[in-house]
Amino acid sequence: MALGLIDKLTSFLIPPDDQAAGSDRAAIPAVKDNSGQESERRPRLKVHSQSAGPLKIIIDLPTGFDDVQAYADHLRNSIAIIVNYQQVDLATQQRMSDFLNGVCYILDGCVQRISEQVVLYTYANIDIDKKIFAYSVPTYVRVKE
């Protein structure tokens, strides 16, 4: 009984090939579509992929707090941002960083500091491998005496 049920489900979900379906062709009803041609009624299967599209990254050098709105719009549109805070003062950098951290939190994104003044902001479903940073940015410097 179980094998019969599996066979029925398999033949319903995946119709047999045209070559192997010579005797089963009569069992599938023909349907006329709007163009007047007869076509067989077959289930249409769609395959959904979980792979994301290409990763887009914008690298920018902000000059003031006014730029932060554009960065939030980029994150909302699934574009990652690398922000270099060299040209802003420390207070503006803190305000911008706080705002973009909140945007990333809401979008379920990620924030990774690359250097003292360079930060990477990503949207959801982007994983950042921290092993790369372990080799490029030392966590401490040992001083020889």
N, C-alpha and C. Protein backbone atom coordinates (compact mmCIF):
# COMPACT_ATOMS: atom_id res chain seq x y z
N MET A 1 0.82 -1.19 0.00
CA MET A 1 0.00 0.00 0.00
C MET A 1 0.87 1.26 0.00
N ALA A 2 1.90 1.24 0.81
CA ALA A 2 2.76 2.41 0.88
C ALA A 2 3.47 2.65 -0.45
N LEU A 3 3.87 1.58 -1.12
CA LEU A 3 4.54 1.74 -2.40
C LEU A 3 3.59 2.32 -3.43
N GLY A 4 2.34 1.92 -3.40
CA GLY A 4 1.36 2.46 -4.34
C GLY A 4 1.13 3.95 -4.11
N LEU A 5 1.09 4.36 -2.86
CA LEU A 5 0.89 5.77 -2.54
C LEU A 5 2.09 6.59 -3.00
N ILE A 6 3.29 6.08 -2.78
CA ILE A 6 4.50 6.77 -3.21
C ILE A 6 4.53 6.87 -4.73
N ASP A 7 4.15 5.80 -5.42
CA ASP A 7 4.12 5.84 -6.88
C ASP A 7 3.12 6.87 -7.39
N LYS A 8 1.95 6.96 -6.74
CA LYS A 8 0.94 7.93 -7.16
C LYS A 8 1.43 9.36 -6.94
N LEU A 9 2.04 9.60 -5.78
CA LEU A 9 2.57 10.93 -5.51
C LEU A 9 3.69 11.30 -6.47
N THR A 10 4.56 10.34 -6.74
CA THR A 10 5.67 10.60 -7.65
C THR A 10 5.17 10.89 -9.06
N SER A 11 4.20 10.12 -9.53
CA SER A 11 3.70 10.35 -10.88
C SER A 11 2.89 11.64 -10.96
N PHE A 12 2.30 12.07 -9.84
CA PHE A 12 1.57 13.34 -9.85
C PHE A 12 2.53 14.52 -9.86
N LEU A 13 3.56 14.46 -9.00
CA LEU A 13 4.50 15.56 -8.90
C LEU A 13 5.48 15.62 -10.07
N ILE A 14 5.95 14.47 -10.51
CA ILE A 14 6.91 14.40 -11.60
C ILE A 14 6.28 13.54 -12.69
N PRO A 15 5.70 14.15 -13.72
CA PRO A 15 5.04 13.36 -14.75
C PRO A 15 6.06 12.53 -15.52
N PRO A 16 5.65 11.36 -16.00
CA PRO A 16 6.58 10.50 -16.74
C PRO A 16 6.98 11.16 -18.06
N ASP A 17 8.16 10.76 -18.58
CA ASP A 17 8.65 11.31 -19.84
C ASP A 17 7.72 10.94 -20.98
N ASP A 18 7.83 11.66 -22.08
CA ASP A 18 6.97 11.39 -23.24
C ASP A 18 7.24 10.02 -23.84
N GLN A 19 8.47 9.56 -23.79
CA GLN A 19 8.81 8.27 -24.36
C GLN A 19 8.23 7.14 -23.52
N ALA A 20 8.34 7.25 -22.23
CA ALA A 20 7.87 6.19 -21.34
C ALA A 20 6.39 6.28 -21.10
N ALA A 21 5.75 7.37 -21.49
CA ALA A 21 4.34 7.57 -21.17
C ALA A 21 3.43 7.26 -22.34
N GLY A 22 3.83 6.39 -23.25
CA GLY A 22 3.01 6.07 -24.41
C GLY A 22 1.66 5.52 -24.04
N SER A 23 1.59 4.61 -23.09
CA SER A 23 0.31 4.03 -22.70
C SER A 23 -0.44 4.93 -21.72
N ASP A 24 0.27 5.77 -20.97
CA ASP A 24 -0.38 6.64 -19.99
C ASP A 24 -0.88 7.94 -20.61
N ARG A 25 -0.60 8.18 -21.89
CA ARG A 25 -1.00 9.42 -22.53
C ARG A 25 -2.51 9.57 -22.57
N ALA A 26 -3.21 8.52 -22.68
CA ALA A 26 -4.67 8.59 -22.74
C ALA A 26 -5.25 8.97 -21.38
N ALA A 27 -4.53 8.68 -20.32
CA ALA A 27 -5.04 8.96 -18.98
C ALA A 27 -4.95 10.45 -18.64
N ILE A 28 -4.07 11.19 -19.31
CA ILE A 28 -3.92 12.62 -19.03
C ILE A 28 -4.87 13.37 -19.96
N PRO A 29 -5.79 14.14 -19.41
CA PRO A 29 -6.75 14.83 -20.27
C PRO A 29 -6.08 15.97 -21.04
N ALA A 30 -6.55 16.17 -22.26
CA ALA A 30 -6.04 17.27 -23.08
C ALA A 30 -6.90 18.49 -22.84
N VAL A 31 -6.24 19.63 -22.80
CA VAL A 31 -6.94 20.88 -22.52
C VAL A 31 -6.65 21.84 -23.66
N LYS A 32 -7.67 22.54 -24.14
CA LYS A 32 -7.46 23.55 -25.17
C LYS A 32 -7.19 24.87 -24.49
N ASP A 33 -6.10 25.50 -24.90
CA ASP A 33 -5.81 26.81 -24.35
C ASP A 33 -6.37 27.88 -25.28
N ASN A 34 -6.16 29.13 -24.98
CA ASN A 34 -6.76 30.24 -25.73
C ASN A 34 -6.30 30.29 -27.18
N SER A 35 -5.14 29.75 -27.51
CA SER A 35 -4.65 29.80 -28.87
C SER A 35 -5.24 28.69 -29.74
N GLY A 36 -6.05 27.81 -29.17
CA GLY A 36 -6.69 26.75 -29.93
C GLY A 36 -5.88 25.48 -30.00
N GLN A 37 -4.68 25.46 -29.45
CA GLN A 37 -3.85 24.27 -29.48
C GLN A 37 -4.19 23.39 -28.29
N GLU A 38 -4.09 22.09 -28.51
CA GLU A 38 -4.32 21.16 -27.40
C GLU A 38 -3.00 20.96 -26.65
N SER A 39 -3.07 21.03 -25.36
CA SER A 39 -1.89 20.76 -24.54
C SER A 39 -2.30 19.84 -23.41
N GLU A 40 -1.34 19.11 -22.92
CA GLU A 40 -1.61 18.20 -21.82
C GLU A 40 -1.61 18.96 -20.51
N ARG A 41 -2.47 18.54 -19.60
CA ARG A 41 -2.50 19.15 -18.27
C ARG A 41 -1.46 18.46 -17.42
N ARG A 42 -0.43 19.19 -17.11
CA ARG A 42 0.65 18.65 -16.27
C ARG A 42 0.91 19.64 -15.16
N PRO A 43 1.24 19.13 -14.01
CA PRO A 43 1.55 20.05 -12.92
C PRO A 43 2.86 20.79 -13.22
N ARG A 44 2.86 22.06 -12.89
CA ARG A 44 4.05 22.88 -13.09
C ARG A 44 4.75 23.04 -11.74
N LEU A 45 5.99 22.65 -11.71
CA LEU A 45 6.77 22.73 -10.49
C LEU A 45 7.74 23.89 -10.58
N LYS A 46 7.86 24.60 -9.50
CA LYS A 46 8.82 25.69 -9.42
C LYS A 46 9.86 25.34 -8.37
N VAL A 47 11.09 25.60 -8.68
CA VAL A 47 12.18 25.36 -7.74
C VAL A 47 12.60 26.70 -7.17
N HIS A 48 12.55 26.80 -5.87
CA HIS A 48 12.94 28.04 -5.20
C HIS A 48 14.37 27.90 -4.72
N SER A 49 15.16 28.87 -5.03
CA SER A 49 16.56 28.87 -4.65
C SER A 49 16.75 29.77 -3.44
N GLN A 50 17.62 29.37 -2.54
CA GLN A 50 17.92 30.20 -1.38
C GLN A 50 19.20 30.99 -1.57
N SER A 51 19.78 30.89 -2.75
CA SER A 51 21.00 31.65 -2.98
C SER A 51 20.64 33.10 -3.26
N ALA A 52 21.40 33.99 -2.69
CA ALA A 52 21.14 35.41 -2.86
C ALA A 52 21.75 35.89 -4.17
N GLY A 53 21.34 37.06 -4.56
CA GLY A 53 21.90 37.66 -5.76
C GLY A 53 23.32 38.11 -5.51
N PRO A 54 23.88 38.83 -6.45
CA PRO A 54 25.25 39.29 -6.27
C PRO A 54 25.36 40.28 -5.13
N LEU A 55 26.46 40.22 -4.41
CA LEU A 55 26.71 41.12 -3.28
C LEU A 55 27.17 42.46 -3.81
N LYS A 56 26.51 43.52 -3.39
CA LYS A 56 26.89 44.87 -3.78
C LYS A 56 27.43 45.58 -2.55
N ILE A 57 28.55 46.25 -2.71
CA ILE A 57 29.17 46.98 -1.61
C ILE A 57 29.50 48.39 -2.09
N ILE A 58 29.15 49.36 -1.27
CA ILE A 58 29.50 50.75 -1.54
C ILE A 58 30.56 51.16 -0.52
N ILE A 59 31.60 51.80 -1.00
CA ILE A 59 32.65 52.33 -0.13
C ILE A 59 32.54 53.85 -0.19
N ASP A 60 32.41 54.49 0.97
CA ASP A 60 32.20 55.93 0.96
C ASP A 60 32.99 56.61 2.07
N LEU A 61 33.25 57.86 1.85
CA LEU A 61 33.96 58.72 2.78
C LEU A 61 33.03 59.87 3.15
N PRO A 62 32.29 59.76 4.26
CA PRO A 62 31.31 60.80 4.59
C PRO A 62 31.98 62.10 5.01
N THR A 63 31.26 63.20 4.76
CA THR A 63 31.77 64.51 5.16
C THR A 63 30.94 65.12 6.28
N GLY A 64 29.77 64.56 6.55
CA GLY A 64 28.91 65.07 7.61
C GLY A 64 27.80 64.09 7.93
N PHE A 65 26.98 64.46 8.92
CA PHE A 65 25.91 63.58 9.37
C PHE A 65 24.81 63.43 8.31
N ASP A 66 24.73 64.35 7.37
CA ASP A 66 23.70 64.29 6.33
C ASP A 66 23.83 63.06 5.44
N ASP A 67 24.99 62.47 5.36
CA ASP A 67 25.22 61.31 4.50
C ASP A 67 24.61 60.03 5.07
N VAL A 68 24.27 60.03 6.34
CA VAL A 68 23.82 58.80 6.99
C VAL A 68 22.47 58.32 6.45
N GLN A 69 21.62 59.21 5.99
CA GLN A 69 20.33 58.81 5.43
C GLN A 69 20.51 57.98 4.15
N ALA A 70 21.44 58.38 3.32
CA ALA A 70 21.73 57.61 2.10
C ALA A 70 22.27 56.22 2.44
N TYR A 71 23.10 56.14 3.48
CA TYR A 71 23.63 54.84 3.90
C TYR A 71 22.51 53.93 4.40
N ALA A 72 21.57 54.47 5.14
CA ALA A 72 20.44 53.68 5.62
C ALA A 72 19.60 53.19 4.46
N ASP A 73 19.41 54.03 3.45
CA ASP A 73 18.66 53.61 2.26
C ASP A 73 19.38 52.50 1.52
N HIS A 74 20.70 52.56 1.43
CA HIS A 74 21.47 51.50 0.78
C HIS A 74 21.31 50.18 1.53
N LEU A 75 21.40 50.23 2.85
CA LEU A 75 21.23 49.01 3.63
C LEU A 75 19.83 48.43 3.47
N ARG A 76 18.84 49.29 3.43
CA ARG A 76 17.46 48.83 3.25
C ARG A 76 17.27 48.19 1.87
N ASN A 77 18.04 48.63 0.88
CA ASN A 77 17.96 48.08 -0.48
C ASN A 77 18.96 46.95 -0.70
N SER A 78 19.44 46.34 0.37
CA SER A 78 20.35 45.18 0.33
C SER A 78 21.68 45.49 -0.35
N ILE A 79 22.26 46.59 0.04
CA ILE A 79 23.59 46.97 -0.43
C ILE A 79 24.46 47.20 0.81
N ALA A 80 25.55 46.48 0.91
CA ALA A 80 26.46 46.64 2.05
C ALA A 80 27.28 47.92 1.88
N ILE A 81 27.77 48.45 3.00
CA ILE A 81 28.48 49.71 2.98
C ILE A 81 29.77 49.59 3.79
N ILE A 82 30.84 50.11 3.24
CA ILE A 82 32.07 50.31 3.99
C ILE A 82 32.23 51.81 4.16
N VAL A 83 32.24 52.27 5.42
CA VAL A 83 32.31 53.70 5.71
C VAL A 83 33.68 54.01 6.31
N ASN A 84 34.35 54.99 5.71
CA ASN A 84 35.64 55.46 6.20
C ASN A 84 35.39 56.82 6.87
N TYR A 85 35.53 56.87 8.18
CA TYR A 85 35.21 58.06 8.96
C TYR A 85 36.39 59.04 9.08
N GLN A 86 37.29 59.10 8.13
CA GLN A 86 38.48 59.94 8.25
C GLN A 86 38.16 61.43 8.25
N GLN A 87 37.16 61.86 7.50
CA GLN A 87 36.92 63.29 7.33
C GLN A 87 35.89 63.86 8.28
N VAL A 88 35.42 63.09 9.25
CA VAL A 88 34.45 63.62 10.22
C VAL A 88 35.09 63.61 11.60
N ASP A 89 34.61 64.51 12.46
CA ASP A 89 35.15 64.56 13.81
C ASP A 89 34.61 63.40 14.65
N LEU A 90 35.15 63.23 15.81
CA LEU A 90 34.82 62.08 16.65
C LEU A 90 33.37 62.07 17.09
N ALA A 91 32.79 63.24 17.41
CA ALA A 91 31.39 63.29 17.83
C ALA A 91 30.45 62.91 16.69
N THR A 92 30.72 63.39 15.49
CA THR A 92 29.90 63.03 14.32
C THR A 92 30.07 61.57 13.98
N GLN A 93 31.27 61.06 14.10
CA GLN A 93 31.50 59.64 13.86
C GLN A 93 30.69 58.79 14.83
N GLN A 94 30.63 59.19 16.08
CA GLN A 94 29.86 58.44 17.08
C GLN A 94 28.37 58.47 16.76
N ARG A 95 27.85 59.65 16.38
CA ARG A 95 26.43 59.77 16.03
C ARG A 95 26.08 58.92 14.81
N MET A 96 26.94 58.99 13.78
CA MET A 96 26.69 58.21 12.56
C MET A 96 26.78 56.71 12.85
N SER A 97 27.76 56.34 13.62
CA SER A 97 27.93 54.94 13.97
C SER A 97 26.74 54.42 14.77
N ASP A 98 26.26 55.20 15.73
CA ASP A 98 25.08 54.80 16.51
C ASP A 98 23.86 54.62 15.62
N PHE A 99 23.64 55.56 14.70
CA PHE A 99 22.49 55.48 13.82
C PHE A 99 22.57 54.26 12.91
N LEU A 100 23.75 54.03 12.29
CA LEU A 100 23.89 52.89 11.38
C LEU A 100 23.87 51.55 12.13
N ASN A 101 24.35 51.54 13.37
CA ASN A 101 24.24 50.32 14.18
C ASN A 101 22.77 49.99 14.43
N GLY A 102 21.96 51.02 14.69
CA GLY A 102 20.53 50.80 14.88
C GLY A 102 19.85 50.31 13.62
N VAL A 103 20.24 50.85 12.48
CA VAL A 103 19.67 50.39 11.20
C VAL A 103 20.03 48.93 10.97
N CYS A 104 21.28 48.57 11.21
CA CYS A 104 21.69 47.17 11.04
C CYS A 104 20.97 46.25 12.01
N TYR A 105 20.73 46.71 13.22
CA TYR A 105 20.00 45.91 14.19
C TYR A 105 18.57 45.65 13.72
N ILE A 106 17.91 46.69 13.21
CA ILE A 106 16.54 46.54 12.74
C ILE A 106 16.48 45.62 11.52
N LEU A 107 17.47 45.72 10.63
CA LEU A 107 17.48 44.91 9.42
C LEU A 107 18.09 43.52 9.65
N ASP A 108 18.44 43.21 10.89
CA ASP A 108 19.06 41.93 11.24
C ASP A 108 20.41 41.77 10.53
N GLY A 109 21.12 42.88 10.42
CA GLY A 109 22.40 42.89 9.73
C GLY A 109 23.56 42.69 10.67
N CYS A 110 24.74 43.09 10.21
CA CYS A 110 25.96 42.87 10.98
C CYS A 110 26.87 44.09 10.82
N VAL A 111 27.60 44.40 11.87
CA VAL A 111 28.56 45.51 11.86
C VAL A 111 29.92 44.93 12.23
N GLN A 112 30.94 45.27 11.44
CA GLN A 112 32.28 44.79 11.73
C GLN A 112 33.27 45.93 11.55
N ARG A 113 34.04 46.20 12.58
CA ARG A 113 35.07 47.24 12.51
C ARG A 113 36.28 46.65 11.79
N ILE A 114 36.71 47.34 10.74
CA ILE A 114 37.86 46.89 9.96
C ILE A 114 39.13 47.52 10.50
N SER A 115 39.07 48.82 10.79
CA SER A 115 40.21 49.51 11.41
C SER A 115 39.64 50.58 12.34
N GLU A 116 40.50 51.47 12.81
CA GLU A 116 40.06 52.51 13.75
C GLU A 116 38.93 53.36 13.17
N GLN A 117 39.02 53.70 11.89
CA GLN A 117 38.05 54.61 11.29
C GLN A 117 37.28 54.01 10.12
N VAL A 118 37.39 52.73 9.88
CA VAL A 118 36.70 52.07 8.77
C VAL A 118 35.80 50.97 9.35
N VAL A 119 34.50 51.02 8.97
CA VAL A 119 33.53 50.07 9.50
C VAL A 119 32.72 49.50 8.34
N LEU A 120 32.44 48.20 8.41
CA LEU A 120 31.62 47.51 7.42
C LEU A 120 30.23 47.29 8.00
N TYR A 121 29.19 47.74 7.28
CA TYR A 121 27.80 47.55 7.67
C TYR A 121 27.14 46.67 6.61
N THR A 122 26.49 45.57 7.05
CA THR A 122 25.82 44.68 6.11
C THR A 122 24.37 44.50 6.51
N TYR A 123 23.58 44.03 5.58
CA TYR A 123 22.18 43.74 5.81
C TYR A 123 22.04 42.27 6.21
N ALA A 124 20.82 41.78 6.30
CA ALA A 124 20.56 40.41 6.75
C ALA A 124 21.14 39.38 5.77
N ASN A 125 21.43 38.20 6.28
CA ASN A 125 21.90 37.03 5.52
C ASN A 125 23.29 37.19 4.92
N ILE A 126 24.07 38.10 5.42
CA ILE A 126 25.46 38.24 4.99
C ILE A 126 26.34 37.86 6.18
N ASP A 127 27.16 36.84 5.99
CA ASP A 127 28.05 36.40 7.06
C ASP A 127 29.43 37.00 6.84
N ILE A 128 30.02 37.48 7.91
CA ILE A 128 31.36 38.04 7.86
C ILE A 128 32.29 37.07 8.57
N ASP A 129 33.31 36.61 7.88
CA ASP A 129 34.26 35.68 8.46
C ASP A 129 35.31 36.48 9.22
N LYS A 130 35.33 36.33 10.52
CA LYS A 130 36.24 37.12 11.35
C LYS A 130 37.67 36.60 11.33
N LYS A 131 37.89 35.43 10.74
CA LYS A 131 39.25 34.91 10.65
C LYS A 131 40.11 35.77 9.76
N ILE A 132 39.50 36.38 8.77
CA ILE A 132 40.25 37.24 7.87
C ILE A 132 40.86 38.41 8.64
N PHE A 133 40.07 38.98 9.54
CA PHE A 133 40.53 40.13 10.30
C PHE A 133 41.59 39.75 11.32
N ALA A 134 41.61 38.51 11.75
CA ALA A 134 42.59 38.09 12.73
C ALA A 134 44.01 38.17 12.16
N TYR A 135 44.15 37.99 10.85
CA TYR A 135 45.47 38.05 10.24
C TYR A 135 45.84 39.47 9.81
N SER A 136 44.85 40.28 9.46
CA SER A 136 45.17 41.60 8.93
C SER A 136 45.23 42.68 10.00
N VAL A 137 44.44 42.56 11.07
CA VAL A 137 44.44 43.55 12.13
C VAL A 137 44.84 42.86 13.44
N PRO A 138 46.05 43.10 13.91
CA PRO A 138 46.47 42.42 15.14
C PRO A 138 45.68 42.95 16.34
N THR A 139 45.37 42.06 17.28
CA THR A 139 44.63 42.46 18.46
C THR A 139 45.55 43.09 19.50
N TYR A 140 46.79 42.74 19.49
CA TYR A 140 47.74 43.37 20.39
C TYR A 140 49.11 43.33 19.74
N VAL A 141 49.98 44.16 20.20
CA VAL A 141 51.33 44.21 19.69
C VAL A 141 52.27 43.93 20.85
N ARG A 142 53.08 42.93 20.72
CA ARG A 142 54.02 42.57 21.78
C ARG A 142 55.29 43.39 21.61
N VAL A 143 55.63 44.09 22.67
CA VAL A 143 56.82 44.94 22.65
C VAL A 143 57.97 44.17 23.29
N LYS A 144 59.09 44.09 22.55
CA LYS A 144 60.27 43.40 23.09
C LYS A 144 61.07 44.38 23.92
N GLU A 145 61.52 43.93 25.05
CA GLU A 145 62.32 44.80 25.91
C GLU A 145 63.76 44.41 25.88
